[in-house]
PDB file of N, CA and C in Angstrom:
ATOM      1  N   MET A   1      86.153 151.898 141.098  1.00  0.00           N
ATOM      2  CA  MET A   1      85.607 150.973 140.134  1.00  0.00           C
ATOM      3  C   MET A   1      86.613 150.705 139.028  1.00  0.00           C
ATOM      4  N   GLN A   2      86.674 149.481 138.652  1.00  0.00           N
ATOM      5  CA  GLN A   2      87.608 149.099 137.592  1.00  0.00           C
ATOM      6  C   GLN A   2      86.863 149.024 136.260  1.00  0.00           C
ATOM      7  N   GLU A   3      87.490 149.579 135.239  1.00  0.00           N
ATOM      8  CA  GLU A   3      86.871 149.605 133.914  1.00  0.00           C
ATOM      9  C   GLU A   3      87.006 148.237 133.249  1.00  0.00           C
ATOM     10  N   PHE A   4      85.913 147.777 132.648  1.00  0.00           N
ATOM     11  CA  PHE A   4      85.949 146.495 131.937  1.00  0.00           C
ATOM     12  C   PHE A   4      86.623 146.673 130.592  1.00  0.00           C
ATOM     13  N   ARG A   5      87.630 145.864 130.330  1.00  0.00           N
ATOM     14  CA  ARG A   5      88.335 145.919 129.046  1.00  0.00           C
ATOM     15  C   ARG A   5      88.395 144.506 128.476  1.00  0.00           C
ATOM     16  N   PRO A   6      87.666 144.267 127.428  1.00  0.00           N
ATOM     17  CA  PRO A   6      87.744 142.928 126.820  1.00  0.00           C
ATOM     18  C   PRO A   6      89.138 142.704 126.253  1.00  0.00           C
ATOM     19  N   HIS A   7      89.527 141.454 126.232  1.00  0.00           N
ATOM     20  CA  HIS A   7      90.830 141.122 125.660  1.00  0.00           C
ATOM     21  C   HIS A   7      90.773 141.337 124.156  1.00  0.00           C
ATOM     22  N   VAL A   8      91.572 142.254 123.701  1.00  0.00           N
ATOM     23  CA  VAL A   8      91.612 142.566 122.279  1.00  0.00           C
ATOM     24  C   VAL A   8      92.951 142.110 121.737  1.00  0.00           C
ATOM     25  N   PHE A   9      92.900 141.246 120.762  1.00  0.00           N
ATOM     26  CA  PHE A   9      94.116 140.763 120.133  1.00  0.00           C
ATOM     27  C   PHE A   9      94.159 141.323 118.720  1.00  0.00           C
ATOM     28  N   PRO A  10      95.162 142.126 118.439  1.00  0.00           N
ATOM     29  CA  PRO A  10      95.242 142.689 117.087  1.00  0.00           C
ATOM     30  C   PRO A  10      95.455 141.589 116.053  1.00  0.00           C
ATOM     31  N   MET A  11      94.919 141.820 114.872  1.00  0.00           N
ATOM     32  CA  MET A  11      95.087 140.841 113.798  1.00  0.00           C
ATOM     33  C   MET A  11      96.527 140.848 113.325  1.00  0.00           C
ATOM     34  N   LYS A  12      96.989 139.683 112.969  1.00  0.00           N
ATOM     35  CA  LYS A  12      98.323 139.592 112.380  1.00  0.00           C
ATOM     36  C   LYS A  12      98.271 140.195 110.983  1.00  0.00           C
ATOM     37  N   GLN A  13      99.397 140.702 110.552  1.00  0.00           N
ATOM     38  CA  GLN A  13      99.483 141.300 109.220  1.00  0.00           C
ATOM     39  C   GLN A  13      99.093 140.279 108.153  1.00  0.00           C
ATOM     40  N   SER A  14      99.540 139.027 108.322  1.00  0.00           N
ATOM     41  CA  SER A  14      99.222 138.007 107.320  1.00  0.00           C
ATOM     42  C   SER A  14      97.720 137.733 107.260  1.00  0.00           C
ATOM     43  N   ASP A  15      97.027 137.839 108.397  1.00  0.00           N
ATOM     44  CA  ASP A  15      95.572 137.650 108.392  1.00  0.00           C
ATOM     45  C   ASP A  15      94.873 138.784 107.639  1.00  0.00           C
ATOM     46  N   LEU A  16      95.398 139.988 107.783  1.00  0.00           N
ATOM     47  CA  LEU A  16      94.836 141.108 107.017  1.00  0.00           C
ATOM     48  C   LEU A  16      95.025 140.874 105.523  1.00  0.00           C
ATOM     49  N   PHE A  17      96.193 140.364 105.144  1.00  0.00           N
ATOM     50  CA  PHE A  17      96.446 140.059 103.738  1.00  0.00           C
ATOM     51  C   PHE A  17      95.479 138.989 103.239  1.00  0.00           C
ATOM     52  N   ARG A  18      95.219 137.978 104.076  1.00  0.00           N
ATOM     53  CA  ARG A  18      94.284 136.917 103.675  1.00  0.00           C
ATOM     54  C   ARG A  18      92.855 137.462 103.538  1.00  0.00           C
ATOM     55  N   ASP A  19      92.489 138.385 104.403  1.00  0.00           N
ATOM     56  CA  ASP A  19      91.173 139.030 104.268  1.00  0.00           C
ATOM     57  C   ASP A  19      91.074 139.779 102.942  1.00  0.00           C
ATOM     58  N   ASN A  20      92.148 140.473 102.581  1.00  0.00           N
ATOM     59  CA  ASN A  20      92.163 141.176 101.297  1.00  0.00           C
ATOM     60  C   ASN A  20      92.021 140.189 100.142  1.00  0.00           C
ATOM     61  N   ALA A  21      92.697 139.051 100.251  1.00  0.00           N
ATOM     62  CA  ALA A  21      92.595 138.028  99.208  1.00  0.00           C
ATOM     63  C   ALA A  21      91.156 137.526  99.095  1.00  0.00           C
ATOM     64  N   GLU A  22      90.519 137.299 100.233  1.00  0.00           N
ATOM     65  CA  GLU A  22      89.130 136.832 100.225  1.00  0.00           C
ATOM     66  C   GLU A  22      88.209 137.878  99.596  1.00  0.00           C
ATOM     67  N   ASN A  23      88.441 139.139  99.899  1.00  0.00           N
ATOM     68  CA  ASN A  23      87.638 140.204  99.289  1.00  0.00           C
ATOM     69  C   ASN A  23      87.808 140.209  97.775  1.00  0.00           C
ATOM     70  N   CYS A  24      89.028 140.021  97.313  1.00  0.00           N
ATOM     71  CA  CYS A  24      89.278 139.990  95.870  1.00  0.00           C
ATOM     72  C   CYS A  24      88.565 138.806  95.219  1.00  0.00           C
ATOM     73  N   LEU A  25      88.549 137.664  95.900  1.00  0.00           N
ATOM     74  CA  LEU A  25      87.845 136.499  95.348  1.00  0.00           C
ATOM     75  C   LEU A  25      86.344 136.761  95.252  1.00  0.00           C
ATOM     76  N   GLN A  26      85.800 137.442  96.246  1.00  0.00           N
ATOM     77  CA  GLN A  26      84.377 137.780  96.192  1.00  0.00           C
ATOM     78  C   GLN A  26      84.089 138.743  95.044  1.00  0.00           C
ATOM     79  N   LEU A  27      84.989 139.700  94.848  1.00  0.00           N
ATOM     80  CA  LEU A  27      84.825 140.618  93.721  1.00  0.00           C
ATOM     81  C   LEU A  27      84.938 139.878  92.394  1.00  0.00           C
ATOM     82  N   ALA A  28      85.819 138.893  92.335  1.00  0.00           N
ATOM     83  CA  ALA A  28      85.980 138.113  91.108  1.00  0.00           C
ATOM     84  C   ALA A  28      84.696 137.354  90.783  1.00  0.00           C
ATOM     85  N   GLU A  29      84.054 136.807  91.825  1.00  0.00           N
ATOM     86  CA  GLU A  29      82.805 136.069  91.606  1.00  0.00           C
ATOM     87  C   GLU A  29      81.714 136.968  91.024  1.00  0.00           C
ATOM     88  N   ARG A  30      81.722 138.239  91.400  1.00  0.00           N
ATOM     89  CA  ARG A  30      80.689 139.172  90.936  1.00  0.00           C
ATOM     90  C   ARG A  30      81.131 139.985  89.723  1.00  0.00           C
ATOM     91  N   ALA A  31      82.314 139.719  89.239  1.00  0.00           N
ATOM     92  CA  ALA A  31      82.860 140.513  88.131  1.00  0.00           C
ATOM     93  C   ALA A  31      82.028 140.333  86.870  1.00  0.00           C
ATOM     94  N   GLU A  32      81.910 141.414  86.151  1.00  0.00           N
ATOM     95  CA  GLU A  32      81.210 141.372  84.869  1.00  0.00           C
ATOM     96  C   GLU A  32      82.261 141.348  83.775  1.00  0.00           C
ATOM     97  N   GLY A  33      82.472 140.186  83.242  1.00  0.00           N
ATOM     98  CA  GLY A  33      83.447 140.058  82.166  1.00  0.00           C
ATOM     99  C   GLY A  33      84.721 139.366  82.611  1.00  0.00           C
ATOM    100  N   GLN A  34      85.341 138.715  81.654  1.00  0.00           N
ATOM    101  CA  GLN A  34      86.555 137.950  81.910  1.00  0.00           C
ATOM    102  C   GLN A  34      87.740 138.818  82.346  1.00  0.00           C
ATOM    103  N   PRO A  35      87.961 140.001  81.749  1.00  0.00           N
ATOM    104  CA  PRO A  35      89.107 140.814  82.188  1.00  0.00           C
ATOM    105  C   PRO A  35      89.047 141.181  83.673  1.00  0.00           C
ATOM    106  N   ALA A  36      87.870 141.571  84.144  1.00  0.00           N
ATOM    107  CA  ALA A  36      87.726 141.931  85.559  1.00  0.00           C
ATOM    108  C   ALA A  36      87.910 140.704  86.441  1.00  0.00           C
ATOM    109  N   TYR A  37      87.351 139.574  86.018  1.00  0.00           N
ATOM    110  CA  TYR A  37      87.508 138.336  86.779  1.00  0.00           C
ATOM    111  C   TYR A  37      88.986 137.980  86.928  1.00  0.00           C
ATOM    112  N   LYS A  38      89.714 138.037  85.830  1.00  0.00           N
ATOM    113  CA  LYS A  38      91.144 137.709  85.869  1.00  0.00           C
ATOM    114  C   LYS A  38      91.917 138.688  86.754  1.00  0.00           C
ATOM    115  N   ARG A  39      91.577 139.958  86.650  1.00  0.00           N
ATOM    116  CA  ARG A  39      92.263 140.983  87.445  1.00  0.00           C
ATOM    117  C   ARG A  39      92.088 140.710  88.934  1.00  0.00           C
ATOM    118  N   TYR A  40      90.850 140.471  89.370  1.00  0.00           N
ATOM    119  CA  TYR A  40      90.601 140.217  90.790  1.00  0.00           C
ATOM    120  C   TYR A  40      91.229 138.898  91.237  1.00  0.00           C
ATOM    121  N   SER A  41      91.232 137.910  90.369  1.00  0.00           N
ATOM    122  CA  SER A  41      91.855 136.633  90.716  1.00  0.00           C
ATOM    123  C   SER A  41      93.361 136.789  90.906  1.00  0.00           C
ATOM    124  N   ARG A  42      93.991 137.557  90.026  1.00  0.00           N
ATOM    125  CA  ARG A  42      95.439 137.804  90.172  1.00  0.00           C
ATOM    126  C   ARG A  42      95.727 138.590  91.449  1.00  0.00           C
ATOM    127  N   MET A  43      94.861 139.537  91.761  1.00  0.00           N
ATOM    128  CA  MET A  43      95.039 140.299  92.998  1.00  0.00           C
ATOM    129  C   MET A  43      94.916 139.384  94.215  1.00  0.00           C
ATOM    130  N   ALA A  44      93.973 138.458  94.185  1.00  0.00           N
ATOM    131  CA  ALA A  44      93.817 137.507  95.289  1.00  0.00           C
ATOM    132  C   ALA A  44      95.066 136.646  95.430  1.00  0.00           C
ATOM    133  N   ASP A  45      95.604 136.185  94.309  1.00  0.00           N
ATOM    134  CA  ASP A  45      96.835 135.388  94.350  1.00  0.00           C
ATOM    135  C   ASP A  45      97.986 136.187  94.953  1.00  0.00           C
ATOM    136  N   ALA A  46      98.077 137.461  94.593  1.00  0.00           N
ATOM    137  CA  ALA A  46      99.156 138.307  95.113  1.00  0.00           C
ATOM    138  C   ALA A  46      99.011 138.516  96.625  1.00  0.00           C
ATOM    139  N   TRP A  47      97.785 138.765  97.093  1.00  0.00           N
ATOM    140  CA  TRP A  47      97.574 138.939  98.533  1.00  0.00           C
ATOM    141  C   TRP A  47      97.901 137.656  99.290  1.00  0.00           C
ATOM    142  N   THR A  48      97.546 136.505  98.713  1.00  0.00           N
ATOM    143  CA  THR A  48      97.843 135.229  99.358  1.00  0.00           C
ATOM    144  C   THR A  48      99.349 135.005  99.442  1.00  0.00           C
ATOM    145  N   ALA A  49     100.062 135.337  98.380  1.00  0.00           N
ATOM    146  CA  ALA A  49     101.521 135.203  98.390  1.00  0.00           C
ATOM    147  C   ALA A  49     102.136 136.125  99.446  1.00  0.00           C
ATOM    148  N   LEU A  50     101.615 137.337  99.558  1.00  0.00           N
ATOM    149  CA  LEU A  50     102.112 138.253 100.587  1.00  0.00           C
ATOM    150  C   LEU A  50     101.861 137.699 101.988  1.00  0.00           C
ATOM    151  N   ALA A  51     100.712 137.089 102.194  1.00  0.00           N
ATOM    152  CA  ALA A  51     100.398 136.508 103.503  1.00  0.00           C
ATOM    153  C   ALA A  51     101.376 135.397 103.848  1.00  0.00           C
ATOM    154  N   ARG A  52     101.671 134.534 102.879  1.00  0.00           N
ATOM    155  CA  ARG A  52     102.632 133.450 103.132  1.00  0.00           C
ATOM    156  C   ARG A  52     104.015 134.010 103.448  1.00  0.00           C
ATOM    157  N   GLU A  53     104.419 135.018 102.702  1.00  0.00           N
ATOM    158  CA  GLU A  53     105.735 135.612 102.951  1.00  0.00           C
ATOM    159  C   GLU A  53     105.776 136.289 104.321  1.00  0.00           C
ATOM    160  N   GLN A  54     104.692 136.945 104.706  1.00  0.00           N
ATOM    161  CA  GLN A  54     104.653 137.581 106.020  1.00  0.00           C
ATOM    162  C   GLN A  54     104.724 136.537 107.124  1.00  0.00           C
ATOM    163  N   ASP A  55     104.038 135.401 106.956  1.00  0.00           N
ATOM    164  CA  ASP A  55     104.140 134.314 107.931  1.00  0.00           C
ATOM    165  C   ASP A  55     105.587 133.860 108.064  1.00  0.00           C
ATOM    166  N   TRP A  56     106.283 133.757 106.942  1.00  0.00           N
ATOM    167  CA  TRP A  56     107.690 133.358 106.967  1.00  0.00           C
ATOM    168  C   TRP A  56     108.523 134.414 107.691  1.00  0.00           C
ATOM    169  N   LEU A  57     108.290 135.693 107.372  1.00  0.00           N
ATOM    170  CA  LEU A  57     109.038 136.767 108.029  1.00  0.00           C
ATOM    171  C   LEU A  57     108.778 136.801 109.530  1.00  0.00           C
ATOM    172  N   ASP A  58     107.566 136.442 109.930  1.00  0.00           N
ATOM    173  CA  ASP A  58     107.215 136.424 111.350  1.00  0.00           C
ATOM    174  C   ASP A  58     107.704 135.162 112.049  1.00  0.00           C
ATOM    175  N   GLY A  59     108.325 134.256 111.300  1.00  0.00           N
ATOM    176  CA  GLY A  59     108.854 133.028 111.884  1.00  0.00           C
ATOM    177  C   GLY A  59     107.812 131.964 112.138  1.00  0.00           C
ATOM    178  N   GLU A  60     106.655 132.091 111.520  1.00  0.00           N
ATOM    179  CA  GLU A  60     105.585 131.117 111.743  1.00  0.00           C
ATOM    180  C   GLU A  60     105.717 129.888 110.861  1.00  0.00           C
ATOM    181  N   ILE A  61     106.411 130.022 109.760  1.00  0.00           N
ATOM    182  CA  ILE A  61     106.687 128.860 108.917  1.00  0.00           C
ATOM    183  C   ILE A  61     108.190 128.818 108.674  1.00  0.00           C
ATOM    184  N   PRO A  62     108.753 127.634 108.634  1.00  0.00           N
ATOM    185  CA  PRO A  62     110.210 127.532 108.469  1.00  0.00           C
ATOM    186  C   PRO A  62     110.629 127.908 107.057  1.00  0.00           C
ATOM    187  N   PRO A  63     111.879 128.335 106.926  1.00  0.00           N
ATOM    188  CA  PRO A  63     112.384 128.605 105.582  1.00  0.00           C
ATOM    189  C   PRO A  63     112.456 127.316 104.778  1.00  0.00           C
ATOM    190  N   VAL A  64     112.540 127.460 103.501  1.00  0.00           N
ATOM    191  CA  VAL A  64     112.624 126.293 102.624  1.00  0.00           C
ATOM    192  C   VAL A  64     113.951 125.591 102.880  1.00  0.00           C
ATOM    193  N   THR A  65     113.883 124.292 103.027  1.00  0.00           N
ATOM    194  CA  THR A  65     115.120 123.535 103.215  1.00  0.00           C
ATOM    195  C   THR A  65     115.609 123.047 101.863  1.00  0.00           C
ATOM    196  N   VAL A  66     116.895 123.144 101.686  1.00  0.00           N
ATOM    197  CA  VAL A  66     117.509 122.701 100.443  1.00  0.00           C
ATOM    198  C   VAL A  66     118.240 121.411 100.738  1.00  0.00           C
ATOM    199  N   ARG A  67     117.886 120.394 100.023  1.00  0.00           N
ATOM    200  CA  ARG A  67     118.540 119.099 100.221  1.00  0.00           C
ATOM    201  C   ARG A  67     119.683 118.961  99.239  1.00  0.00           C
ATOM    202  N   ILE A  68     120.827 118.644  99.784  1.00  0.00           N
ATOM    203  CA  ILE A  68     122.007 118.437  98.954  1.00  0.00           C
ATOM    204  C   ILE A  68     122.180 116.936  98.796  1.00  0.00           C
ATOM    205  N   PRO A  69     122.156 116.457  97.549  1.00  0.00           N
ATOM    206  CA  PRO A  69     122.298 115.011  97.348  1.00  0.00           C
ATOM    207  C   PRO A  69     123.673 114.542  97.820  1.00  0.00           C
ATOM    208  N   GLN A  70     123.654 113.407  98.483  1.00  0.00           N
ATOM    209  CA  GLN A  70     124.912 112.826  98.953  1.00  0.00           C
ATOM    210  C   GLN A  70     125.428 111.860  97.905  1.00  0.00           C
ATOM    211  N   ASN A  71     126.722 111.863  97.735  1.00  0.00           N
ATOM    212  CA  ASN A  71     127.332 110.933  96.782  1.00  0.00           C
ATOM    213  C   ASN A  71     127.233 109.518  97.325  1.00  0.00           C
ATOM    214  N   GLU A  72     126.735 108.648  96.487  1.00  0.00           N
ATOM    215  CA  GLU A  72     126.644 107.244  96.882  1.00  0.00           C
ATOM    216  C   GLU A  72     127.886 106.527  96.391  1.00  0.00           C
ATOM    217  N   GLU A  73     128.571 105.894  97.317  1.00  0.00           N
ATOM    218  CA  GLU A  73     129.773 105.151  96.939  1.00  0.00           C
ATOM    219  C   GLU A  73     129.425 103.682  96.817  1.00  0.00           C
ATOM    220  N   ALA A  74     129.882 103.070  95.730  1.00  0.00           N
ATOM    221  CA  ALA A  74     129.572 101.659  95.498  1.00  0.00           C
ATOM    222  C   ALA A  74     130.643 100.778  96.063  1.00  0.00           C
TER     223      ALA A  74
END
């Protein structure tokens, strides 16, 4: 008999970071007081930035392109 194994795909690191950001936003919504709200909001921003950077490190988004202006000759 063959054992049934569902296809399990591990979460990407960036998705885990985004989940953390979402949790922080939920905590911010329930925060009592402005200092706690700001703290959780900043934490959410930090997790989101980490997720974007991880996507870049994983090659899912291209690096920033730098445009060099060309000299226009008249």
